[in-house]
PDB file of N, CA and C in Angstrom:
ATOM      1  N   UNK A   1     -43.794 148.884 -32.188  1.00  0.00           N
ATOM      2  CA  UNK A   1     -44.850 147.971 -32.507  1.00  0.00           C
ATOM      3  C   UNK A   1     -43.870 146.374 -31.704  1.00  0.00           C
ATOM      4  N   UNK A   2     -45.028 145.784 -30.818  1.00  0.00           N
ATOM      5  CA  UNK A   2     -44.972 144.697 -29.853  1.00  0.00           C
ATOM      6  C   UNK A   2     -43.948 144.060 -30.708  1.00  0.00           C
ATOM      7  N   UNK A   3     -43.323 143.104 -29.991  1.00  0.00           N
ATOM      8  CA  UNK A   3     -42.053 141.744 -29.925  1.00  0.00           C
ATOM      9  C   UNK A   3     -42.589 140.507 -29.364  1.00  0.00           C
ATOM     10  N   UNK A   4     -42.702 139.382 -30.345  1.00  0.00           N
ATOM     11  CA  UNK A   4     -43.315 138.600 -30.191  1.00  0.00           C
ATOM     12  C   UNK A   4     -41.826 137.436 -30.215  1.00  0.00           C
ATOM     13  N   UNK A   5     -42.493 136.713 -29.342  1.00  0.00           N
ATOM     14  CA  UNK A   5     -41.652 135.456 -28.965  1.00  0.00           C
ATOM     15  C   UNK A   5     -42.072 134.482 -29.527  1.00  0.00           C
ATOM     16  N   UNK A   6     -40.903 133.662 -30.196  1.00  0.00           N
ATOM     17  CA  UNK A   6     -40.844 132.646 -30.732  1.00  0.00           C
ATOM     18  C   UNK A   6     -42.325 131.312 -30.394  1.00  0.00           C
ATOM     19  N   UNK A   7     -43.064 130.646 -30.790  1.00  0.00           N
ATOM     20  CA  UNK A   7     -43.852 129.503 -30.014  1.00  0.00           C
ATOM     21  C   UNK A   7     -43.010 128.040 -30.399  1.00  0.00           C
ATOM     22  N   UNK A   8     -42.669 127.657 -29.633  1.00  0.00           N
ATOM     23  CA  UNK A   8     -42.838 126.270 -30.067  1.00  0.00           C
ATOM     24  C   UNK A   8     -42.844 125.488 -31.138  1.00  0.00           C
ATOM     25  N   UNK A   9     -42.987 124.575 -31.873  1.00  0.00           N
ATOM     26  CA  UNK A   9     -43.194 124.084 -33.319  1.00  0.00           C
ATOM     27  C   UNK A   9     -42.745 122.976 -33.266  1.00  0.00           C
ATOM     28  N   UNK A  10     -43.395 121.920 -34.097  1.00  0.00           N
ATOM     29  CA  UNK A  10     -43.237 120.345 -34.180  1.00  0.00           C
ATOM     30  C   UNK A  10     -41.703 120.476 -35.357  1.00  0.00           C
ATOM     31  N   UNK A  11     -41.036 119.153 -35.141  1.00  0.00           N
ATOM     32  CA  UNK A  11     -39.175 119.446 -35.847  1.00  0.00           C
ATOM     33  C   UNK A  11     -40.242 119.058 -37.204  1.00  0.00           C
ATOM     34  N   UNK A  12     -39.554 119.283 -38.255  1.00  0.00           N
ATOM     35  CA  UNK A  12     -39.223 119.462 -39.484  1.00  0.00           C
ATOM     36  C   UNK A  12     -39.419 117.777 -40.132  1.00  0.00           C
ATOM     37  N   UNK A  13     -40.027 117.468 -40.510  1.00  0.00           N
ATOM     38  CA  UNK A  13     -39.258 116.327 -41.217  1.00  0.00           C
ATOM     39  C   UNK A  13     -38.800 115.691 -41.469  1.00  0.00           C
ATOM     40  N   UNK A  14     -37.724 116.748 -41.817  1.00  0.00           N
ATOM     41  CA  UNK A  14     -36.516 116.571 -42.388  1.00  0.00           C
ATOM     42  C   UNK A  14     -35.406 116.685 -41.105  1.00  0.00           C
ATOM     43  N   UNK A  15     -35.857 116.877 -39.792  1.00  0.00           N
ATOM     44  CA  UNK A  15     -35.331 116.256 -38.905  1.00  0.00           C
ATOM     45  C   UNK A  15     -35.395 115.205 -37.928  1.00  0.00           C
ATOM     46  N   UNK A  16     -35.717 113.633 -38.310  1.00  0.00           N
ATOM     47  CA  UNK A  16     -35.798 112.811 -38.809  1.00  0.00           C
ATOM     48  C   UNK A  16     -35.053 111.925 -37.133  1.00  0.00           C
ATOM     49  N   UNK A  17     -35.443 111.545 -36.481  1.00  0.00           N
ATOM     50  CA  UNK A  17     -35.200 110.371 -34.959  1.00  0.00           C
ATOM     51  C   UNK A  17     -34.775 109.256 -35.880  1.00  0.00           C
ATOM     52  N   UNK A  18     -33.740 108.833 -35.468  1.00  0.00           N
ATOM     53  CA  UNK A  18     -33.225 107.459 -35.747  1.00  0.00           C
ATOM     54  C   UNK A  18     -34.332 106.592 -35.295  1.00  0.00           C
ATOM     55  N   UNK A  19     -34.803 105.308 -36.381  1.00  0.00           N
ATOM     56  CA  UNK A  19     -35.587 104.667 -36.209  1.00  0.00           C
ATOM     57  C   UNK A  19     -37.433 104.994 -36.876  1.00  0.00           C
ATOM     58  N   UNK A  20     -37.409 105.801 -37.090  1.00  0.00           N
ATOM     59  CA  UNK A  20     -38.840 106.560 -37.323  1.00  0.00           C
ATOM     60  C   UNK A  20     -38.317 107.442 -39.084  1.00  0.00           C
ATOM     61  N   UNK A  21     -37.596 106.768 -39.532  1.00  0.00           N
ATOM     62  CA  UNK A  21     -37.638 107.035 -41.121  1.00  0.00           C
ATOM     63  C   UNK A  21     -38.838 107.480 -42.025  1.00  0.00           C
ATOM     64  N   UNK A  22     -39.311 105.876 -41.489  1.00  0.00           N
ATOM     65  CA  UNK A  22     -40.393 105.640 -42.723  1.00  0.00           C
ATOM     66  C   UNK A  22     -41.914 105.971 -42.012  1.00  0.00           C
ATOM     67  N   UNK A  23     -42.123 106.744 -41.134  1.00  0.00           N
ATOM     68  CA  UNK A  23     -42.448 107.631 -40.192  1.00  0.00           C
ATOM     69  C   UNK A  23     -43.862 108.675 -41.799  1.00  0.00           C
ATOM     70  N   UNK A  24     -44.846 108.512 -41.681  1.00  0.00           N
ATOM     71  CA  UNK A  24     -45.240 109.998 -42.011  1.00  0.00           C
ATOM     72  C   UNK A  24     -47.021 109.715 -41.643  1.00  0.00           C
ATOM     73  N   UNK A  25     -47.364 111.856 -42.179  1.00  0.00           N
ATOM     74  CA  UNK A  25     -48.491 111.943 -41.814  1.00  0.00           C
ATOM     75  C   UNK A  25     -49.483 111.669 -42.921  1.00  0.00           C
ATOM     76  N   UNK A  26     -49.174 110.751 -43.615  1.00  0.00           N
ATOM     77  CA  UNK A  26     -50.042 110.689 -44.786  1.00  0.00           C
ATOM     78  C   UNK A  26     -50.579 109.550 -43.856  1.00  0.00           C
ATOM     79  N   UNK A  27     -52.262 109.174 -44.401  1.00  0.00           N
ATOM     80  CA  UNK A  27     -52.990 107.661 -43.941  1.00  0.00           C
ATOM     81  C   UNK A  27     -52.633 106.608 -44.980  1.00  0.00           C
ATOM     82  N   UNK A  28     -52.262 105.361 -44.579  1.00  0.00           N
ATOM     83  CA  UNK A  28     -51.607 104.496 -44.958  1.00  0.00           C
ATOM     84  C   UNK A  28     -52.751 102.918 -44.134  1.00  0.00           C
ATOM     85  N   UNK A  29     -53.018 102.079 -45.397  1.00  0.00           N
ATOM     86  CA  UNK A  29     -53.621 100.983 -44.963  1.00  0.00           C
ATOM     87  C   UNK A  29     -52.321 100.104 -45.275  1.00  0.00           C
ATOM     88  N   UNK A  30     -52.328  98.546 -44.253  1.00  0.00           N
ATOM     89  CA  UNK A  30     -51.099  98.325 -44.568  1.00  0.00           C
ATOM     90  C   UNK A  30     -51.887  96.583 -44.345  1.00  0.00           C
ATOM     91  N   UNK A  31     -51.037  95.827 -44.884  1.00  0.00           N
ATOM     92  CA  UNK A  31     -51.808  94.136 -45.040  1.00  0.00           C
ATOM     93  C   UNK A  31     -51.262  93.889 -43.938  1.00  0.00           C
ATOM     94  N   UNK A  32     -51.979  92.605 -43.484  1.00  0.00           N
ATOM     95  CA  UNK A  32     -51.346  92.339 -41.756  1.00  0.00           C
ATOM     96  C   UNK A  32     -50.420  91.129 -42.354  1.00  0.00           C
ATOM     97  N   UNK A  33     -49.421  90.948 -41.287  1.00  0.00           N
ATOM     98  CA  UNK A  33     -48.490  89.929 -41.754  1.00  0.00           C
ATOM     99  C   UNK A  33     -49.162  88.233 -42.401  1.00  0.00           C
ATOM    100  N   UNK A  34     -48.317  87.804 -42.941  1.00  0.00           N
ATOM    101  CA  UNK A  34     -49.351  86.502 -43.679  1.00  0.00           C
ATOM    102  C   UNK A  34     -49.327  85.244 -42.464  1.00  0.00           C
ATOM    103  N   UNK A  35     -50.066  84.962 -42.804  1.00  0.00           N
ATOM    104  CA  UNK A  35     -51.030  83.517 -41.657  1.00  0.00           C
ATOM    105  C   UNK A  35     -49.576  82.385 -41.946  1.00  0.00           C
ATOM    106  N   UNK A  36     -48.967  82.092 -40.583  1.00  0.00           N
ATOM    107  CA  UNK A  36     -48.469  80.549 -40.337  1.00  0.00           C
ATOM    108  C   UNK A  36     -49.418  79.523 -39.863  1.00  0.00           C
ATOM    109  N   UNK A  37     -49.750  78.584 -40.680  1.00  0.00           N
ATOM    110  CA  UNK A  37     -50.400  77.662 -39.141  1.00  0.00           C
ATOM    111  C   UNK A  37     -49.259  77.226 -38.406  1.00  0.00           C
ATOM    112  N   UNK A  38     -49.543  76.956 -37.070  1.00  0.00           N
ATOM    113  CA  UNK A  38     -49.133  75.849 -35.871  1.00  0.00           C
ATOM    114  C   UNK A  38     -48.312  74.683 -36.816  1.00  0.00           C
ATOM    115  N   UNK A  39     -47.038  74.262 -36.285  1.00  0.00           N
ATOM    116  CA  UNK A  39     -46.514  72.975 -36.964  1.00  0.00           C
ATOM    117  C   UNK A  39     -47.156  72.161 -36.232  1.00  0.00           C
ATOM    118  N   UNK A  40     -47.252  72.213 -34.968  1.00  0.00           N
ATOM    119  CA  UNK A  40     -48.117  71.004 -34.091  1.00  0.00           C
ATOM    120  C   UNK A  40     -49.005  71.086 -33.214  1.00  0.00           C
ATOM    121  N   UNK A  41     -50.244  70.554 -32.979  1.00  0.00           N
ATOM    122  CA  UNK A  41     -51.451  71.133 -32.055  1.00  0.00           C
ATOM    123  C   UNK A  41     -50.544  71.176 -30.679  1.00  0.00           C
ATOM    124  N   UNK A  42     -51.491  72.515 -30.120  1.00  0.00           N
ATOM    125  CA  UNK A  42     -50.611  72.781 -28.472  1.00  0.00           C
ATOM    126  C   UNK A  42     -51.232  71.821 -27.698  1.00  0.00           C
ATOM    127  N   UNK A  43     -50.741  71.081 -26.099  1.00  0.00           N
ATOM    128  CA  UNK A  43     -50.920  70.707 -25.543  1.00  0.00           C
ATOM    129  C   UNK A  43     -52.213  70.712 -24.799  1.00  0.00           C
ATOM    130  N   UNK A  44     -53.412  70.484 -24.365  1.00  0.00           N
ATOM    131  CA  UNK A  44     -54.631  71.073 -23.601  1.00  0.00           C
ATOM    132  C   UNK A  44     -53.815  71.908 -22.380  1.00  0.00           C
ATOM    133  N   UNK A  45     -54.069  72.959 -21.786  1.00  0.00           N
ATOM    134  CA  UNK A  45     -54.284  73.789 -21.212  1.00  0.00           C
ATOM    135  C   UNK A  45     -54.404  73.223 -19.877  1.00  0.00           C
ATOM    136  N   UNK A  46     -54.199  73.057 -18.538  1.00  0.00           N
ATOM    137  CA  UNK A  46     -55.074  72.916 -17.570  1.00  0.00           C
ATOM    138  C   UNK A  46     -56.275  73.555 -17.460  1.00  0.00           C
ATOM    139  N   UNK A  47     -57.053  72.931 -16.656  1.00  0.00           N
ATOM    140  CA  UNK A  47     -58.524  73.624 -15.991  1.00  0.00           C
ATOM    141  C   UNK A  47     -58.217  73.557 -14.683  1.00  0.00           C
ATOM    142  N   UNK A  48     -57.722  72.747 -13.705  1.00  0.00           N
ATOM    143  CA  UNK A  48     -57.723  73.006 -12.513  1.00  0.00           C
ATOM    144  C   UNK A  48     -56.233  72.442 -11.776  1.00  0.00           C
ATOM    145  N   UNK A  49     -55.970  73.271 -10.993  1.00  0.00           N
ATOM    146  CA  UNK A  49     -54.533  73.028  -9.734  1.00  0.00           C
ATOM    147  C   UNK A  49     -54.522  71.218  -9.849  1.00  0.00           C
ATOM    148  N   UNK A  50     -55.493  70.616  -9.202  1.00  0.00           N
ATOM    149  CA  UNK A  50     -55.014  69.082  -9.130  1.00  0.00           C
ATOM    150  C   UNK A  50     -54.565  68.092 -11.054  1.00  0.00           C
ATOM    151  N   UNK A  51     -54.800  69.414 -11.984  1.00  0.00           N
ATOM    152  CA  UNK A  51     -54.429  68.886 -12.916  1.00  0.00           C
ATOM    153  C   UNK A  51     -52.258  69.121 -13.411  1.00  0.00           C
ATOM    154  N   UNK A  52     -52.188  70.368 -12.416  1.00  0.00           N
ATOM    155  CA  UNK A  52     -50.673  70.612 -12.983  1.00  0.00           C
ATOM    156  C   UNK A  52     -49.891  69.048 -12.282  1.00  0.00           C
ATOM    157  N   UNK A  53     -50.491  68.447 -10.888  1.00  0.00           N
ATOM    158  CA  UNK A  53     -50.027  67.187 -10.713  1.00  0.00           C
ATOM    159  C   UNK A  53     -49.922  66.188 -11.493  1.00  0.00           C
ATOM    160  N   UNK A  54     -50.616  65.943 -12.536  1.00  0.00           N
ATOM    161  CA  UNK A  54     -50.374  64.572 -13.601  1.00  0.00           C
ATOM    162  C   UNK A  54     -49.250  65.611 -14.756  1.00  0.00           C
ATOM    163  N   UNK A  55     -49.354  66.667 -14.933  1.00  0.00           N
ATOM    164  CA  UNK A  55     -48.875  67.355 -15.902  1.00  0.00           C
ATOM    165  C   UNK A  55     -47.066  67.026 -16.083  1.00  0.00           C
ATOM    166  N   UNK A  56     -46.286  66.684 -17.222  1.00  0.00           N
ATOM    167  CA  UNK A  56     -45.360  66.284 -17.629  1.00  0.00           C
ATOM    168  C   UNK A  56     -44.425  67.811 -17.450  1.00  0.00           C
ATOM    169  N   UNK A  57     -44.531  68.305 -15.999  1.00  0.00           N
ATOM    170  CA  UNK A  57     -43.308  69.754 -15.809  1.00  0.00           C
ATOM    171  C   UNK A  57     -42.370  69.098 -14.343  1.00  0.00           C
ATOM    172  N   UNK A  58     -42.608  67.925 -14.151  1.00  0.00           N
ATOM    173  CA  UNK A  58     -41.562  67.870 -12.687  1.00  0.00           C
ATOM    174  C   UNK A  58     -40.216  68.285 -12.806  1.00  0.00           C
ATOM    175  N   UNK A  59     -40.065  68.339 -11.640  1.00  0.00           N
ATOM    176  CA  UNK A  59     -38.870  69.210 -10.951  1.00  0.00           C
ATOM    177  C   UNK A  59     -37.867  68.612 -10.183  1.00  0.00           C
ATOM    178  N   UNK A  60     -36.507  68.219 -11.104  1.00  0.00           N
ATOM    179  CA  UNK A  60     -36.029  67.729 -10.204  1.00  0.00           C
ATOM    180  C   UNK A  60     -35.922  67.927  -8.706  1.00  0.00           C
ATOM    181  N   UNK A  61     -35.951  66.861  -7.697  1.00  0.00           N
ATOM    182  CA  UNK A  61     -35.964  67.702  -6.317  1.00  0.00           C
ATOM    183  C   UNK A  61     -34.687  68.282  -6.307  1.00  0.00           C
ATOM    184  N   UNK A  62     -34.465  69.129  -4.548  1.00  0.00           N
ATOM    185  CA  UNK A  62     -33.099  69.960  -5.079  1.00  0.00           C
ATOM    186  C   UNK A  62     -32.784  69.843  -3.718  1.00  0.00           C
ATOM    187  N   UNK A  63     -31.157  69.013  -4.210  1.00  0.00           N
ATOM    188  CA  UNK A  63     -30.330  68.690  -2.653  1.00  0.00           C
ATOM    189  C   UNK A  63     -30.194  69.472  -1.692  1.00  0.00           C
ATOM    190  N   UNK A  64     -29.590  69.393  -0.505  1.00  0.00           N
ATOM    191  CA  UNK A  64     -29.519  69.792   0.943  1.00  0.00           C
ATOM    192  C   UNK A  64     -28.398  71.117   0.727  1.00  0.00           C
ATOM    193  N   UNK A  65     -27.195  70.877   0.175  1.00  0.00           N
ATOM    194  CA  UNK A  65     -26.836  71.464  -0.478  1.00  0.00           C
ATOM    195  C   UNK A  65     -26.617  72.649  -1.231  1.00  0.00           C
ATOM    196  N   UNK A  66     -27.665  72.266  -2.101  1.00  0.00           N
ATOM    197  CA  UNK A  66     -28.055  73.168  -3.818  1.00  0.00           C
ATOM    198  C   UNK A  66     -29.281  74.551  -2.627  1.00  0.00           C
ATOM    199  N   UNK A  67     -29.743  74.174  -1.847  1.00  0.00           N
ATOM    200  CA  UNK A  67     -30.703  74.932  -1.575  1.00  0.00           C
ATOM    201  C   UNK A  67     -29.657  75.976  -0.656  1.00  0.00           C
ATOM    202  N   UNK A  68     -28.858  75.205   0.582  1.00  0.00           N
ATOM    203  CA  UNK A  68     -28.164  76.024   1.093  1.00  0.00           C
ATOM    204  C   UNK A  68     -27.118  77.254   0.351  1.00  0.00           C
ATOM    205  N   UNK A  69     -26.783  76.724  -0.802  1.00  0.00           N
ATOM    206  CA  UNK A  69     -25.891  77.238  -1.228  1.00  0.00           C
ATOM    207  C   UNK A  69     -27.388  78.595  -2.378  1.00  0.00           C
ATOM    208  N   UNK A  70     -28.688  78.049  -2.416  1.00  0.00           N
ATOM    209  CA  UNK A  70     -29.305  79.009  -2.157  1.00  0.00           C
ATOM    210  C   UNK A  70     -29.926  80.014  -2.026  1.00  0.00           C
ATOM    211  N   UNK A  71     -29.441  79.859  -0.478  1.00  0.00           N
ATOM    212  CA  UNK A  71     -29.739  80.819   0.525  1.00  0.00           C
ATOM    213  C   UNK A  71     -28.522  81.834   1.094  1.00  0.00           C
ATOM    214  N   UNK A  72     -27.587  80.868   0.450  1.00  0.00           N
ATOM    215  CA  UNK A  72     -26.480  81.890   1.313  1.00  0.00           C
ATOM    216  C   UNK A  72     -26.375  83.069  -0.474  1.00  0.00           C
ATOM    217  N   UNK A  73     -26.803  82.473  -1.707  1.00  0.00           N
ATOM    218  CA  UNK A  73     -26.306  83.204  -2.426  1.00  0.00           C
ATOM    219  C   UNK A  73     -27.735  85.038  -2.176  1.00  0.00           C
ATOM    220  N   UNK A  74     -29.196  84.104  -1.637  1.00  0.00           N
ATOM    221  CA  UNK A  74     -29.582  85.233  -1.502  1.00  0.00           C
ATOM    222  C   UNK A  74     -29.155  86.305  -0.340  1.00  0.00           C
ATOM    223  N   UNK A  75     -28.662  85.781   0.209  1.00  0.00           N
ATOM    224  CA  UNK A  75     -28.036  86.208   1.682  1.00  0.00           C
ATOM    225  C   UNK A  75     -27.162  87.344   0.782  1.00  0.00           C
ATOM    226  N   UNK A  76     -26.189  86.649  -0.008  1.00  0.00           N
ATOM    227  CA  UNK A  76     -25.279  87.288  -0.437  1.00  0.00           C
ATOM    228  C   UNK A  76     -25.023  89.650  -1.252  1.00  0.00           C
ATOM    229  N   UNK A  77     -26.437  88.986  -1.938  1.00  0.00           N
ATOM    230  CA  UNK A  77     -27.476  90.232  -2.974  1.00  0.00           C
ATOM    231  C   UNK A  77     -28.299  91.161  -1.292  1.00  0.00           C
ATOM    232  N   UNK A  78     -28.317  90.886  -0.102  1.00  0.00           N
ATOM    233  CA  UNK A  78     -28.610  91.351   1.009  1.00  0.00           C
ATOM    234  C   UNK A  78     -27.557  92.140   1.890  1.00  0.00           C
ATOM    235  N   UNK A  79     -27.491  92.929   2.357  1.00  0.00           N
ATOM    236  CA  UNK A  79     -26.234  93.274   3.002  1.00  0.00           C
ATOM    237  C   UNK A  79     -26.398  92.970   4.411  1.00  0.00           C
ATOM    238  N   UNK A  80     -27.895  93.246   4.710  1.00  0.00           N
ATOM    239  CA  UNK A  80     -28.500  93.517   6.378  1.00  0.00           C
ATOM    240  C   UNK A  80     -28.349  92.315   6.626  1.00  0.00           C
ATOM    241  N   UNK A  81     -28.428  91.008   5.869  1.00  0.00           N
ATOM    242  CA  UNK A  81     -29.024  90.238   6.309  1.00  0.00           C
ATOM    243  C   UNK A  81     -27.840  89.146   6.908  1.00  0.00           C
ATOM    244  N   UNK A  82     -27.337  88.744   8.363  1.00  0.00           N
ATOM    245  CA  UNK A  82     -27.163  87.945   8.545  1.00  0.00           C
ATOM    246  C   UNK A  82     -25.874  86.166   8.297  1.00  0.00           C
ATOM    247  N   UNK A  83     -25.205  86.240   8.050  1.00  0.00           N
ATOM    248  CA  UNK A  83     -24.633  84.961   7.037  1.00  0.00           C
ATOM    249  C   UNK A  83     -24.283  83.446   7.833  1.00  0.00           C
ATOM    250  N   UNK A  84     -24.137  84.365   9.333  1.00  0.00           N
ATOM    251  CA  UNK A  84     -23.236  83.160  10.517  1.00  0.00           C
ATOM    252  C   UNK A  84     -24.369  82.064  10.575  1.00  0.00           C
ATOM    253  N   UNK A  85     -25.761  82.652  10.853  1.00  0.00           N
ATOM    254  CA  UNK A  85     -27.407  81.457  10.855  1.00  0.00           C
ATOM    255  C   UNK A  85     -27.234  80.121   9.704  1.00  0.00           C
ATOM    256  N   UNK A  86     -27.219  80.856   8.961  1.00  0.00           N
ATOM    257  CA  UNK A  86     -27.277  80.211   7.643  1.00  0.00           C
ATOM    258  C   UNK A  86     -26.117  78.793   6.994  1.00  0.00           C
ATOM    259  N   UNK A  87     -24.805  79.402   7.464  1.00  0.00           N
ATOM    260  CA  UNK A  87     -23.620  78.266   7.693  1.00  0.00           C
ATOM    261  C   UNK A  87     -23.933  77.187   8.768  1.00  0.00           C
ATOM    262  N   UNK A  88     -24.433  77.532   9.828  1.00  0.00           N
ATOM    263  CA  UNK A  88     -24.991  76.597  10.605  1.00  0.00           C
ATOM    264  C   UNK A  88     -26.201  75.800  10.542  1.00  0.00           C
ATOM    265  N   UNK A  89     -26.725  76.431   9.917  1.00  0.00           N
ATOM    266  CA  UNK A  89     -28.137  76.063   9.427  1.00  0.00           C
ATOM    267  C   UNK A  89     -27.895  73.893   9.577  1.00  0.00           C
ATOM    268  N   UNK A  90     -29.131  73.717   9.863  1.00  0.00           N
ATOM    269  CA  UNK A  90     -29.345  71.938   9.964  1.00  0.00           C
ATOM    270  C   UNK A  90     -30.750  71.740   8.759  1.00  0.00           C
ATOM    271  N   UNK A  91     -30.720  70.982   7.715  1.00  0.00           N
ATOM    272  CA  UNK A  91     -32.668  71.526   7.123  1.00  0.00           C
ATOM    273  C   UNK A  91     -32.091  69.738   7.832  1.00  0.00           C
ATOM    274  N   UNK A  92     -33.499  69.219   8.446  1.00  0.00           N
ATOM    275  CA  UNK A  92     -34.801  68.396   8.818  1.00  0.00           C
ATOM    276  C   UNK A  92     -35.281  67.652   7.717  1.00  0.00           C
ATOM    277  N   UNK A  93     -35.810  68.126   6.827  1.00  0.00           N
ATOM    278  CA  UNK A  93     -36.612  67.973   5.823  1.00  0.00           C
ATOM    279  C   UNK A  93     -37.058  69.490   4.815  1.00  0.00           C
ATOM    280  N   UNK A  94     -37.560  68.641   3.808  1.00  0.00           N
ATOM    281  CA  UNK A  94     -38.098  69.824   2.567  1.00  0.00           C
ATOM    282  C   UNK A  94     -38.688  69.228   1.952  1.00  0.00           C
ATOM    283  N   UNK A  95     -40.235  70.595   1.703  1.00  0.00           N
ATOM    284  CA  UNK A  95     -40.909  69.934   1.567  1.00  0.00           C
ATOM    285  C   UNK A  95     -41.291  70.630  -0.319  1.00  0.00           C
ATOM    286  N   UNK A  96     -41.802  70.129  -1.366  1.00  0.00           N
ATOM    287  CA  UNK A  96     -41.089  70.541  -2.620  1.00  0.00           C
ATOM    288  C   UNK A  96     -43.368  71.320  -2.789  1.00  0.00           C
ATOM    289  N   UNK A  97     -43.170  72.234  -3.070  1.00  0.00           N
ATOM    290  CA  UNK A  97     -44.613  73.396  -3.531  1.00  0.00           C
ATOM    291  C   UNK A  97     -44.573  74.409  -4.354  1.00  0.00           C
ATOM    292  N   UNK A  98     -45.744  74.507  -4.740  1.00  0.00           N
ATOM    293  CA  UNK A  98     -45.580  75.599  -6.233  1.00  0.00           C
ATOM    294  C   UNK A  98     -45.988  76.988  -6.068  1.00  0.00           C
ATOM    295  N   UNK A  99     -45.432  77.784  -6.445  1.00  0.00           N
ATOM    296  CA  UNK A  99     -45.616  79.710  -6.129  1.00  0.00           C
ATOM    297  C   UNK A  99     -46.493  79.738  -6.914  1.00  0.00           C
ATOM    298  N   UNK A 100     -47.128  80.229  -7.122  1.00  0.00           N
ATOM    299  CA  UNK A 100     -48.011  81.162  -7.626  1.00  0.00           C
ATOM    300  C   UNK A 100     -47.796  82.521  -7.873  1.00  0.00           C
ATOM    301  N   UNK A 101     -46.694  83.572  -8.619  1.00  0.00           N
ATOM    302  CA  UNK A 101     -46.710  84.872  -7.841  1.00  0.00           C
ATOM    303  C   UNK A 101     -47.531  85.938  -9.596  1.00  0.00           C
ATOM    304  N   UNK A 102     -47.703  86.617  -9.081  1.00  0.00           N
ATOM    305  CA  UNK A 102     -49.404  87.195  -9.703  1.00  0.00           C
ATOM    306  C   UNK A 102     -48.799  88.513 -10.013  1.00  0.00           C
ATOM    307  N   UNK A 103     -49.146  89.057 -11.159  1.00  0.00           N
ATOM    308  CA  UNK A 103     -49.067  90.693 -10.717  1.00  0.00           C
ATOM    309  C   UNK A 103     -49.623  91.710 -11.314  1.00  0.00           C
ATOM    310  N   UNK A 104     -50.429  92.820 -11.338  1.00  0.00           N
ATOM    311  CA  UNK A 104     -51.357  93.757 -12.400  1.00  0.00           C
ATOM    312  C   UNK A 104     -50.875  95.238 -12.254  1.00  0.00           C
ATOM    313  N   UNK A 105     -51.214  95.538 -13.585  1.00  0.00           N
ATOM    314  CA  UNK A 105     -50.760  96.826 -13.544  1.00  0.00           C
ATOM    315  C   UNK A 105     -51.437  97.257 -14.244  1.00  0.00           C
ATOM    316  N   UNK A 106     -52.271  98.662 -13.863  1.00  0.00           N
ATOM    317  CA  UNK A 106     -53.046  99.427 -14.245  1.00  0.00           C
ATOM    318  C   UNK A 106     -52.140 100.343 -14.833  1.00  0.00           C
ATOM    319  N   UNK A 107     -52.840 101.447 -15.460  1.00  0.00           N
ATOM    320  CA  UNK A 107     -52.762 102.645 -15.919  1.00  0.00           C
ATOM    321  C   UNK A 107     -54.060 103.423 -16.207  1.00  0.00           C
ATOM    322  N   UNK A 108     -53.830 104.678 -16.226  1.00  0.00           N
ATOM    323  CA  UNK A 108     -55.015 106.130 -15.799  1.00  0.00           C
ATOM    324  C   UNK A 108     -55.028 106.804 -16.366  1.00  0.00           C
ATOM    325  N   UNK A 109     -55.799 107.366 -17.442  1.00  0.00           N
ATOM    326  CA  UNK A 109     -55.392 107.911 -18.264  1.00  0.00           C
ATOM    327  C   UNK A 109     -56.493 108.941 -18.452  1.00  0.00           C
ATOM    328  N   UNK A 110     -56.137 110.041 -17.990  1.00  0.00           N
ATOM    329  CA  UNK A 110     -56.640 111.055 -17.709  1.00  0.00           C
ATOM    330  C   UNK A 110     -56.678 111.943 -19.170  1.00  0.00           C
ATOM    331  N   UNK A 111     -58.493 112.540 -19.931  1.00  0.00           N
ATOM    332  CA  UNK A 111     -58.417 112.972 -21.104  1.00  0.00           C
ATOM    333  C   UNK A 111     -59.025 113.872 -20.718  1.00  0.00           C
TER     334      UNK A 111
END
């Protein structure tokens, strides 16, 4: 008589994982959450980059000491960067600019 090895099976429902106690295999129809209207209308979104110059998102100018301190903090996080040039740095001018960081995540599902 051949000996059969046990095959893996799914855990029984009484062996639930914490946080999944209310999960069942039965189909259920859940009600959507109640609608609550927004308290105030949202401001119109800028339509072009020139609209950002007129927006109420002005940032206070950065002082020279704050800029040097930020540079020193950045250098402290990177052990291979030298700190002496940053201490001897003389800032001749600072210009405020905007930077947009865009990321893209993609997923591939093989079915």
